[in-house]
Structure formats: structure tokens, C-alpha cells
Amino acid sequence: MERQTVNGVDAYRPDRADIEGLQVGDNAVDVFGEWSEVTEIFARGDNWKDGGAYVCFYTRMKLGGTVSGDMREGETIFTIPLGRVVDRIDSIQWETAVTQ
């Protein structure tokens, strides 16, 4: 797996072995940009368009329950916590408002 970390944000590009090897109990990036435990895998296969492998799964949420996610071969995944993104957007909007 090709993986890099810059300023606390992980970026990685899973290959076929990563997709095919993902199992319940492993960690994967959830839709909120956090590493979370995989609780169920509900689909796995090859994309009809480009032949790349994919896997669809559920991850455990911190406050209970699960949320669905997926990984596709060769697609870059970022671990950017949603709160961090929202804080940055608010900061940009504030800077813009102040300078106008």
C-alpha cells in the first residue's frame, strides 16, 4: 500500500492486495476521515468499467452504531477529520470577510 503522512493527514492508495485482504476487525478509513474498526463486509468484487477491485464495509462509530464505507483499488483515500475541514473552511470565510 502506498501511504504518506503530511501535517497529520494520511493519504494512501490501496492496491488489489489491500482490497482483497480487508477483513472484519481490520481498520479502514470511515466516511468521517477517521481510522475505524471494520465490523462487516457486505460487498466485494471487480469494477466493470476498469476491472479494479473494490470492497464495501461497515465501520464502528465512536458514539455507537455503524456507518458504511468503501475502498477502490488505486483511489486515493485521505484521513481528514470532518471537524478539521469545517474549522479550516470557517477560518477561510472569516479571513475573507475581514479583508473585504
N, C-alpha and C. Protein backbone atom coordinates (compact mmCIF):
# COMPACT_ATOMS: atom_id res chain seq x y z
N MET A 1 0.86 -1.18 0.00
CA MET A 1 0.00 0.00 0.00
C MET A 1 0.90 1.23 0.00
N GLU A 2 0.64 2.12 -0.91
CA GLU A 2 1.35 3.39 -0.98
C GLU A 2 0.71 4.35 0.02
N ARG A 3 1.52 4.83 1.00
CA ARG A 3 0.95 5.66 2.06
C ARG A 3 1.92 6.78 2.43
N GLN A 4 1.38 7.99 2.61
CA GLN A 4 2.17 9.15 3.02
C GLN A 4 1.40 9.91 4.08
N THR A 5 2.14 10.57 4.99
CA THR A 5 1.53 11.42 6.02
C THR A 5 2.15 12.81 5.94
N VAL A 6 1.30 13.81 5.82
CA VAL A 6 1.74 15.21 5.78
C VAL A 6 0.85 16.01 6.72
N ASN A 7 1.45 16.73 7.66
CA ASN A 7 0.70 17.56 8.62
C ASN A 7 -0.42 16.80 9.31
N GLY A 8 -0.17 15.55 9.67
CA GLY A 8 -1.14 14.76 10.41
C GLY A 8 -2.26 14.17 9.56
N VAL A 9 -2.18 14.34 8.25
CA VAL A 9 -3.20 13.77 7.35
C VAL A 9 -2.56 12.63 6.57
N ASP A 10 -3.15 11.44 6.67
CA ASP A 10 -2.68 10.29 5.91
C ASP A 10 -3.33 10.30 4.54
N ALA A 11 -2.56 9.94 3.54
CA ALA A 11 -3.09 9.73 2.19
C ALA A 11 -2.55 8.38 1.73
N TYR A 12 -3.42 7.52 1.29
CA TYR A 12 -2.94 6.25 0.78
C TYR A 12 -3.79 5.78 -0.37
N ARG A 13 -3.16 4.91 -1.17
CA ARG A 13 -3.81 4.37 -2.35
C ARG A 13 -3.77 2.85 -2.24
N PRO A 14 -4.90 2.23 -1.86
CA PRO A 14 -4.91 0.78 -1.70
C PRO A 14 -4.73 0.06 -3.03
N ASP A 15 -3.97 -1.03 -2.99
CA ASP A 15 -3.82 -1.86 -4.18
C ASP A 15 -4.75 -3.07 -4.06
N ARG A 16 -4.71 -3.94 -5.03
CA ARG A 16 -5.61 -5.10 -5.06
C ARG A 16 -5.46 -5.95 -3.80
N ALA A 17 -4.23 -6.16 -3.35
CA ALA A 17 -3.99 -6.98 -2.15
C ALA A 17 -4.65 -6.35 -0.92
N ASP A 18 -4.61 -5.02 -0.80
CA ASP A 18 -5.25 -4.34 0.33
C ASP A 18 -6.76 -4.56 0.30
N ILE A 19 -7.34 -4.44 -0.87
CA ILE A 19 -8.80 -4.58 -1.02
C ILE A 19 -9.22 -6.02 -0.73
N GLU A 20 -8.54 -6.97 -1.35
CA GLU A 20 -8.91 -8.37 -1.19
C GLU A 20 -8.59 -8.89 0.22
N GLY A 21 -7.61 -8.27 0.90
CA GLY A 21 -7.22 -8.73 2.22
C GLY A 21 -7.97 -8.11 3.38
N LEU A 22 -8.80 -7.08 3.12
CA LEU A 22 -9.52 -6.42 4.20
C LEU A 22 -10.48 -7.41 4.87
N GLN A 23 -10.42 -7.48 6.20
CA GLN A 23 -11.26 -8.40 6.96
C GLN A 23 -11.93 -7.69 8.12
N VAL A 24 -13.00 -8.29 8.63
CA VAL A 24 -13.66 -7.79 9.83
C VAL A 24 -12.61 -7.75 10.94
N GLY A 25 -12.59 -6.63 11.67
CA GLY A 25 -11.61 -6.44 12.74
C GLY A 25 -10.45 -5.57 12.32
N ASP A 26 -10.19 -5.46 11.00
CA ASP A 26 -9.15 -4.56 10.50
C ASP A 26 -9.63 -3.11 10.64
N ASN A 27 -8.73 -2.17 10.47
CA ASN A 27 -9.09 -0.75 10.45
C ASN A 27 -9.14 -0.24 9.02
N ALA A 28 -10.10 0.62 8.76
CA ALA A 28 -10.24 1.27 7.46
C ALA A 28 -10.70 2.70 7.72
N VAL A 29 -10.52 3.56 6.75
CA VAL A 29 -10.95 4.95 6.89
C VAL A 29 -12.46 5.02 6.69
N ASP A 30 -13.15 5.61 7.67
CA ASP A 30 -14.60 5.75 7.56
C ASP A 30 -14.96 7.03 6.81
N VAL A 31 -16.24 7.28 6.64
CA VAL A 31 -16.69 8.45 5.88
C VAL A 31 -16.39 9.76 6.58
N PHE A 32 -15.98 9.70 7.84
CA PHE A 32 -15.64 10.91 8.59
C PHE A 32 -14.14 11.17 8.58
N GLY A 33 -13.38 10.36 7.83
CA GLY A 33 -11.94 10.56 7.74
C GLY A 33 -11.16 10.03 8.92
N GLU A 34 -11.73 9.11 9.66
CA GLU A 34 -11.07 8.53 10.83
C GLU A 34 -10.82 7.04 10.59
N TRP A 35 -9.73 6.51 11.17
CA TRP A 35 -9.49 5.08 11.14
C TRP A 35 -10.45 4.42 12.12
N SER A 36 -11.23 3.47 11.64
CA SER A 36 -12.24 2.79 12.46
C SER A 36 -12.23 1.30 12.18
N GLU A 37 -12.71 0.53 13.15
CA GLU A 37 -12.76 -0.92 13.02
C GLU A 37 -13.85 -1.36 12.04
N VAL A 38 -13.50 -2.23 11.13
CA VAL A 38 -14.45 -2.81 10.18
C VAL A 38 -15.28 -3.86 10.93
N THR A 39 -16.61 -3.69 10.90
CA THR A 39 -17.49 -4.61 11.62
C THR A 39 -18.18 -5.62 10.69
N GLU A 40 -18.28 -5.28 9.41
CA GLU A 40 -18.94 -6.18 8.45
C GLU A 40 -18.48 -5.80 7.05
N ILE A 41 -18.30 -6.81 6.22
CA ILE A 41 -18.03 -6.60 4.79
C ILE A 41 -19.24 -7.11 4.04
N PHE A 42 -19.87 -6.23 3.25
CA PHE A 42 -21.12 -6.64 2.59
C PHE A 42 -21.03 -6.73 1.08
N ALA A 43 -19.92 -6.32 0.47
CA ALA A 43 -19.75 -6.49 -0.97
C ALA A 43 -18.27 -6.45 -1.31
N ARG A 44 -17.91 -7.22 -2.32
CA ARG A 44 -16.52 -7.26 -2.76
C ARG A 44 -16.55 -7.73 -4.21
N GLY A 45 -15.71 -7.16 -5.05
CA GLY A 45 -15.69 -7.60 -6.44
C GLY A 45 -14.76 -6.76 -7.28
N ASP A 46 -15.00 -6.79 -8.59
CA ASP A 46 -14.22 -6.03 -9.56
C ASP A 46 -15.13 -5.07 -10.29
N ASN A 47 -14.67 -3.84 -10.45
CA ASN A 47 -15.42 -2.81 -11.15
C ASN A 47 -15.55 -3.19 -12.62
N TRP A 48 -16.76 -3.12 -13.17
CA TRP A 48 -16.98 -3.50 -14.55
C TRP A 48 -16.28 -2.55 -15.52
N LYS A 49 -16.08 -1.31 -15.11
CA LYS A 49 -15.53 -0.30 -16.01
C LYS A 49 -14.02 -0.45 -16.22
N ASP A 50 -13.26 -0.58 -15.12
CA ASP A 50 -11.80 -0.64 -15.24
C ASP A 50 -11.19 -1.91 -14.69
N GLY A 51 -12.01 -2.81 -14.14
CA GLY A 51 -11.50 -4.07 -13.62
C GLY A 51 -10.86 -3.97 -12.25
N GLY A 52 -10.84 -2.77 -11.66
CA GLY A 52 -10.23 -2.58 -10.34
C GLY A 52 -11.07 -3.22 -9.24
N ALA A 53 -10.40 -3.71 -8.22
CA ALA A 53 -11.09 -4.35 -7.09
C ALA A 53 -11.75 -3.29 -6.20
N TYR A 54 -12.83 -3.67 -5.55
CA TYR A 54 -13.50 -2.81 -4.58
C TYR A 54 -14.01 -3.64 -3.42
N VAL A 55 -14.24 -2.96 -2.29
CA VAL A 55 -14.83 -3.61 -1.12
C VAL A 55 -15.74 -2.59 -0.43
N CYS A 56 -16.90 -3.04 0.00
CA CYS A 56 -17.85 -2.20 0.73
C CYS A 56 -18.01 -2.78 2.13
N PHE A 57 -18.03 -1.91 3.14
CA PHE A 57 -17.98 -2.39 4.52
C PHE A 57 -18.70 -1.43 5.46
N TYR A 58 -18.89 -1.88 6.69
CA TYR A 58 -19.38 -1.04 7.78
C TYR A 58 -18.24 -0.87 8.78
N THR A 59 -18.13 0.33 9.34
CA THR A 59 -17.16 0.59 10.41
C THR A 59 -17.91 1.04 11.66
N ARG A 60 -17.28 0.78 12.80
CA ARG A 60 -17.85 1.14 14.10
C ARG A 60 -17.70 2.65 14.33
N MET A 61 -18.78 3.29 14.74
CA MET A 61 -18.73 4.72 15.09
C MET A 61 -18.38 4.87 16.56
N LYS A 62 -17.69 5.95 16.91
CA LYS A 62 -17.26 6.17 18.29
C LYS A 62 -18.43 6.25 19.26
N LEU A 63 -19.54 6.83 18.85
CA LEU A 63 -20.69 7.00 19.75
C LEU A 63 -21.70 5.87 19.64
N GLY A 64 -21.32 4.79 18.97
CA GLY A 64 -22.21 3.65 18.80
C GLY A 64 -22.76 3.58 17.40
N GLY A 65 -23.16 2.43 17.00
CA GLY A 65 -23.69 2.22 15.67
C GLY A 65 -22.58 2.00 14.65
N THR A 66 -22.99 1.90 13.39
CA THR A 66 -22.03 1.69 12.31
C THR A 66 -22.35 2.63 11.16
N VAL A 67 -21.38 2.77 10.26
CA VAL A 67 -21.55 3.60 9.08
C VAL A 67 -20.86 2.88 7.92
N SER A 68 -21.45 2.98 6.73
CA SER A 68 -20.90 2.27 5.58
C SER A 68 -19.73 3.04 4.97
N GLY A 69 -18.87 2.31 4.29
CA GLY A 69 -17.74 2.89 3.59
C GLY A 69 -17.30 1.97 2.48
N ASP A 70 -16.36 2.42 1.69
CA ASP A 70 -15.84 1.58 0.62
C ASP A 70 -14.40 1.98 0.29
N MET A 71 -13.70 1.06 -0.36
CA MET A 71 -12.37 1.32 -0.88
C MET A 71 -12.32 0.76 -2.28
N ARG A 72 -11.64 1.50 -3.17
CA ARG A 72 -11.48 1.05 -4.55
C ARG A 72 -10.00 1.04 -4.89
N GLU A 73 -9.59 0.03 -5.59
CA GLU A 73 -8.20 -0.13 -6.00
C GLU A 73 -7.71 1.12 -6.74
N GLY A 74 -6.60 1.68 -6.27
CA GLY A 74 -5.98 2.81 -6.94
C GLY A 74 -6.58 4.16 -6.64
N GLU A 75 -7.64 4.22 -5.84
CA GLU A 75 -8.27 5.50 -5.50
C GLU A 75 -7.66 6.03 -4.20
N THR A 76 -7.17 7.26 -4.22
CA THR A 76 -6.54 7.85 -3.05
C THR A 76 -7.58 8.13 -1.97
N ILE A 77 -7.24 7.76 -0.74
CA ILE A 77 -8.10 7.96 0.42
C ILE A 77 -7.36 8.86 1.39
N PHE A 78 -8.04 9.86 1.93
CA PHE A 78 -7.44 10.79 2.87
C PHE A 78 -8.08 10.63 4.25
N THR A 79 -7.27 10.76 5.29
CA THR A 79 -7.80 10.78 6.65
C THR A 79 -7.84 12.23 7.10
N ILE A 80 -8.91 12.89 6.77
CA ILE A 80 -9.08 14.29 7.15
C ILE A 80 -10.34 14.36 8.01
N PRO A 81 -10.17 14.43 9.33
CA PRO A 81 -11.34 14.50 10.18
C PRO A 81 -12.25 15.67 9.80
N LEU A 82 -13.54 15.41 9.73
CA LEU A 82 -14.52 16.40 9.29
C LEU A 82 -14.42 17.70 10.09
N GLY A 83 -14.22 17.60 11.39
CA GLY A 83 -14.12 18.81 12.22
C GLY A 83 -12.97 19.69 11.80
N ARG A 84 -11.87 19.09 11.39
CA ARG A 84 -10.71 19.86 10.93
C ARG A 84 -11.02 20.60 9.64
N VAL A 85 -11.74 19.96 8.73
CA VAL A 85 -12.13 20.59 7.46
C VAL A 85 -13.06 21.76 7.73
N VAL A 86 -14.06 21.55 8.57
CA VAL A 86 -15.03 22.61 8.89
C VAL A 86 -14.31 23.79 9.54
N ASP A 87 -13.39 23.52 10.46
CA ASP A 87 -12.63 24.60 11.11
C ASP A 87 -11.86 25.41 10.07
N ARG A 88 -11.25 24.73 9.10
CA ARG A 88 -10.47 25.43 8.07
C ARG A 88 -11.38 26.26 7.17
N ILE A 89 -12.54 25.72 6.80
CA ILE A 89 -13.48 26.47 5.97
C ILE A 89 -13.95 27.71 6.73
N ASP A 90 -14.28 27.57 8.01
CA ASP A 90 -14.69 28.72 8.82
C ASP A 90 -13.58 29.75 8.87
N SER A 91 -12.34 29.32 8.99
CA SER A 91 -11.19 30.21 9.05
C SER A 91 -11.05 30.99 7.74
N ILE A 92 -11.18 30.30 6.62
CA ILE A 92 -11.07 30.95 5.31
C ILE A 92 -12.20 31.97 5.14
N GLN A 93 -13.42 31.58 5.51
CA GLN A 93 -14.55 32.51 5.39
C GLN A 93 -14.34 33.73 6.27
N TRP A 94 -13.82 33.54 7.48
CA TRP A 94 -13.58 34.65 8.39
C TRP A 94 -12.50 35.57 7.83
N GLU A 95 -11.39 35.00 7.31
CA GLU A 95 -10.32 35.80 6.72
C GLU A 95 -10.83 36.60 5.54
N THR A 96 -11.68 36.00 4.72
CA THR A 96 -12.24 36.68 3.55
C THR A 96 -13.15 37.82 3.98
N ALA A 97 -13.99 37.58 4.98
CA ALA A 97 -14.91 38.61 5.46
C ALA A 97 -14.16 39.79 6.05
N VAL A 98 -13.07 39.53 6.75
CA VAL A 98 -12.31 40.58 7.41
C VAL A 98 -11.57 41.45 6.39
N THR A 99 -11.11 40.85 5.29
CA THR A 99 -10.31 41.59 4.31
C THR A 99 -11.17 42.33 3.29
N GLN A 100 -12.46 42.11 3.29
CA GLN A 100 -13.32 42.80 2.30
C GLN A 100 -13.86 44.10 2.83
